Amino acid sequence: MLTLLFIILMFLIFGKLIVFALRAAWGISKIVCTIVLLPLFLIGLVFAGLIGIAFPILLVVGIVSLIIPKHR
């Protein structure tokens, strides 16, 4: 009986930790993509001579970031 209780409580605790880890990883990946990868991608496009593609992407991302409400 104690073993069953231990297993249930262990799944509850580690389940919450897994959910927390997934939320943290999702938040960190959004920050990395927004702060690091998108500017590097746009700079790479400009250096490659594809400013005709980089500028509309920059405009769309800017407009979307202004329209979408901030959480918290």
N, C-alpha and C. Protein backbone atom coordinates (compact mmCIF):
# COMPACT_ATOMS: atom_id res chain seq x y z
N MET A 1 0.82 -1.19 0.00
CA MET A 1 0.00 0.00 0.00
C MET A 1 0.87 1.27 0.00
N LEU A 2 1.92 1.23 0.81
CA LEU A 2 2.82 2.39 0.84
C LEU A 2 3.55 2.57 -0.48
N THR A 3 3.85 1.44 -1.12
CA THR A 3 4.52 1.52 -2.42
C THR A 3 3.62 2.20 -3.45
N LEU A 4 2.36 1.87 -3.45
CA LEU A 4 1.42 2.48 -4.38
C LEU A 4 1.29 3.98 -4.11
N LEU A 5 1.19 4.35 -2.84
CA LEU A 5 1.11 5.77 -2.47
C LEU A 5 2.38 6.51 -2.89
N PHE A 6 3.53 5.87 -2.67
CA PHE A 6 4.80 6.47 -3.08
C PHE A 6 4.86 6.69 -4.58
N ILE A 7 4.42 5.70 -5.36
CA ILE A 7 4.46 5.81 -6.82
C ILE A 7 3.52 6.92 -7.30
N ILE A 8 2.34 7.01 -6.72
CA ILE A 8 1.39 8.05 -7.11
C ILE A 8 1.95 9.44 -6.80
N LEU A 9 2.48 9.61 -5.61
CA LEU A 9 3.04 10.91 -5.24
C LEU A 9 4.27 11.25 -6.06
N MET A 10 5.06 10.24 -6.40
CA MET A 10 6.24 10.49 -7.22
C MET A 10 5.83 10.98 -8.61
N PHE A 11 4.80 10.35 -9.20
CA PHE A 11 4.32 10.80 -10.51
C PHE A 11 3.74 12.21 -10.43
N LEU A 12 3.07 12.55 -9.35
CA LEU A 12 2.52 13.90 -9.20
C LEU A 12 3.63 14.94 -9.14
N ILE A 13 4.63 14.67 -8.32
CA ILE A 13 5.72 15.64 -8.15
C ILE A 13 6.54 15.77 -9.43
N PHE A 14 6.96 14.64 -9.99
CA PHE A 14 7.79 14.71 -11.19
C PHE A 14 6.99 15.11 -12.41
N GLY A 15 5.69 14.86 -12.41
CA GLY A 15 4.83 15.35 -13.49
C GLY A 15 4.79 16.87 -13.50
N LYS A 16 4.67 17.46 -12.31
CA LYS A 16 4.70 18.92 -12.22
C LYS A 16 6.05 19.47 -12.64
N LEU A 17 7.12 18.78 -12.28
CA LEU A 17 8.45 19.24 -12.68
C LEU A 17 8.63 19.15 -14.20
N ILE A 18 8.10 18.11 -14.82
CA ILE A 18 8.21 17.97 -16.28
C ILE A 18 7.43 19.08 -16.97
N VAL A 19 6.23 19.39 -16.47
CA VAL A 19 5.44 20.47 -17.06
C VAL A 19 6.18 21.79 -16.91
N PHE A 20 6.75 22.04 -15.74
CA PHE A 20 7.52 23.27 -15.52
C PHE A 20 8.72 23.33 -16.46
N ALA A 21 9.41 22.20 -16.64
CA ALA A 21 10.58 22.18 -17.53
C ALA A 21 10.18 22.45 -18.97
N LEU A 22 9.05 21.90 -19.41
CA LEU A 22 8.60 22.15 -20.78
C LEU A 22 8.21 23.61 -20.99
N ARG A 23 7.54 24.19 -19.99
CA ARG A 23 7.19 25.62 -20.11
C ARG A 23 8.44 26.50 -20.13
N ALA A 24 9.41 26.16 -19.29
CA ALA A 24 10.66 26.93 -19.27
C ALA A 24 11.41 26.79 -20.59
N ALA A 25 11.46 25.58 -21.12
CA ALA A 25 12.16 25.36 -22.39
C ALA A 25 11.46 26.10 -23.53
N TRP A 26 10.13 26.12 -23.53
CA TRP A 26 9.39 26.83 -24.56
C TRP A 26 9.67 28.33 -24.47
N GLY A 27 9.69 28.87 -23.26
CA GLY A 27 9.97 30.29 -23.08
C GLY A 27 11.38 30.65 -23.53
N ILE A 28 12.33 29.81 -23.17
CA ILE A 28 13.72 30.07 -23.55
C ILE A 28 13.89 29.97 -25.06
N SER A 29 13.22 29.00 -25.69
CA SER A 29 13.35 28.87 -27.14
C SER A 29 12.71 30.04 -27.87
N LYS A 30 11.61 30.59 -27.35
CA LYS A 30 11.01 31.77 -27.98
C LYS A 30 11.95 32.97 -27.87
N ILE A 31 12.60 33.12 -26.73
CA ILE A 31 13.54 34.23 -26.55
C ILE A 31 14.73 34.09 -27.49
N VAL A 32 15.27 32.89 -27.59
CA VAL A 32 16.43 32.66 -28.46
C VAL A 32 16.06 32.92 -29.92
N CYS A 33 14.91 32.44 -30.34
CA CYS A 33 14.50 32.66 -31.74
C CYS A 33 14.27 34.14 -32.03
N THR A 34 13.66 34.84 -31.09
CA THR A 34 13.34 36.25 -31.31
C THR A 34 14.57 37.14 -31.22
N ILE A 35 15.40 36.91 -30.25
CA ILE A 35 16.53 37.81 -29.99
C ILE A 35 17.76 37.45 -30.83
N VAL A 36 17.97 36.17 -31.09
CA VAL A 36 19.21 35.74 -31.74
C VAL A 36 18.99 35.32 -33.20
N LEU A 37 18.12 34.36 -33.43
CA LEU A 37 18.04 33.75 -34.76
C LEU A 37 17.39 34.65 -35.81
N LEU A 38 16.31 35.34 -35.47
CA LEU A 38 15.65 36.20 -36.46
C LEU A 38 16.56 37.33 -36.94
N PRO A 39 17.21 38.08 -36.05
CA PRO A 39 18.13 39.12 -36.56
C PRO A 39 19.29 38.55 -37.37
N LEU A 40 19.84 37.41 -36.95
CA LEU A 40 20.93 36.82 -37.73
C LEU A 40 20.44 36.38 -39.10
N PHE A 41 19.23 35.84 -39.18
CA PHE A 41 18.65 35.44 -40.45
C PHE A 41 18.46 36.66 -41.36
N LEU A 42 17.92 37.75 -40.81
CA LEU A 42 17.70 38.95 -41.62
C LEU A 42 19.02 39.58 -42.07
N ILE A 43 20.01 39.61 -41.21
CA ILE A 43 21.32 40.15 -41.58
C ILE A 43 21.95 39.28 -42.67
N GLY A 44 21.80 37.96 -42.54
CA GLY A 44 22.32 37.05 -43.57
C GLY A 44 21.65 37.28 -44.91
N LEU A 45 20.35 37.52 -44.90
CA LEU A 45 19.65 37.82 -46.15
C LEU A 45 20.16 39.11 -46.78
N VAL A 46 20.38 40.12 -45.96
CA VAL A 46 20.86 41.41 -46.49
C VAL A 46 22.26 41.25 -47.07
N PHE A 47 23.14 40.52 -46.36
CA PHE A 47 24.49 40.32 -46.88
C PHE A 47 24.50 39.47 -48.15
N ALA A 48 23.51 38.61 -48.29
CA ALA A 48 23.44 37.78 -49.49
C ALA A 48 22.81 38.53 -50.66
N GLY A 49 22.39 39.77 -50.42
CA GLY A 49 21.81 40.56 -51.49
C GLY A 49 20.32 40.34 -51.66
N LEU A 50 19.68 39.77 -50.68
CA LEU A 50 18.25 39.49 -50.77
C LEU A 50 17.44 40.45 -49.91
N ILE A 51 17.75 41.74 -50.01
CA ILE A 51 17.04 42.72 -49.20
C ILE A 51 15.58 42.81 -49.59
N GLY A 52 15.26 42.41 -50.82
CA GLY A 52 13.86 42.38 -51.26
C GLY A 52 13.03 41.36 -50.50
N ILE A 53 13.67 40.35 -49.95
CA ILE A 53 12.98 39.35 -49.12
C ILE A 53 13.08 39.74 -47.65
N ALA A 54 14.22 40.28 -47.23
CA ALA A 54 14.45 40.60 -45.83
C ALA A 54 13.55 41.74 -45.35
N PHE A 55 13.34 42.74 -46.19
CA PHE A 55 12.55 43.90 -45.77
C PHE A 55 11.08 43.55 -45.54
N PRO A 56 10.42 42.81 -46.44
CA PRO A 56 9.03 42.42 -46.14
C PRO A 56 8.90 41.52 -44.91
N ILE A 57 9.87 40.63 -44.69
CA ILE A 57 9.83 39.80 -43.48
C ILE A 57 9.94 40.68 -42.25
N LEU A 58 10.83 41.67 -42.29
CA LEU A 58 10.99 42.59 -41.17
C LEU A 58 9.71 43.39 -40.93
N LEU A 59 9.05 43.83 -41.99
CA LEU A 59 7.79 44.56 -41.85
C LEU A 59 6.69 43.68 -41.25
N VAL A 60 6.56 42.46 -41.74
CA VAL A 60 5.52 41.56 -41.22
C VAL A 60 5.76 41.25 -39.74
N VAL A 61 6.99 40.95 -39.38
CA VAL A 61 7.29 40.65 -37.97
C VAL A 61 7.05 41.88 -37.11
N GLY A 62 7.40 43.05 -37.58
CA GLY A 62 7.16 44.27 -36.82
C GLY A 62 5.67 44.56 -36.62
N ILE A 63 4.89 44.40 -37.67
CA ILE A 63 3.44 44.65 -37.57
C ILE A 63 2.79 43.62 -36.65
N VAL A 64 3.18 42.36 -36.78
CA VAL A 64 2.61 41.31 -35.92
C VAL A 64 2.97 41.57 -34.46
N SER A 65 4.19 42.00 -34.20
CA SER A 65 4.59 42.26 -32.82
C SER A 65 3.86 43.45 -32.22
N LEU A 66 3.42 44.37 -33.05
CA LEU A 66 2.63 45.50 -32.55
C LEU A 66 1.17 45.13 -32.33
N ILE A 67 0.64 44.23 -33.15
CA ILE A 67 -0.78 43.87 -33.07
C ILE A 67 -1.06 42.87 -31.96
N ILE A 68 -0.23 41.86 -31.83
CA ILE A 68 -0.47 40.80 -30.84
C ILE A 68 -0.29 41.37 -29.44
N PRO A 69 -1.29 41.17 -28.56
CA PRO A 69 -1.16 41.71 -27.20
C PRO A 69 -0.11 40.95 -26.41
N LYS A 70 0.51 41.65 -25.50
CA LYS A 70 1.53 41.05 -24.65
C LYS A 70 0.86 40.27 -23.53
N HIS A 71 1.44 39.13 -23.18
CA HIS A 71 0.93 38.34 -22.08
C HIS A 71 1.60 38.81 -20.79
N ARG A 72 0.86 38.81 -19.75
CA ARG A 72 1.36 39.12 -18.41
C ARG A 72 1.95 40.49 -18.36
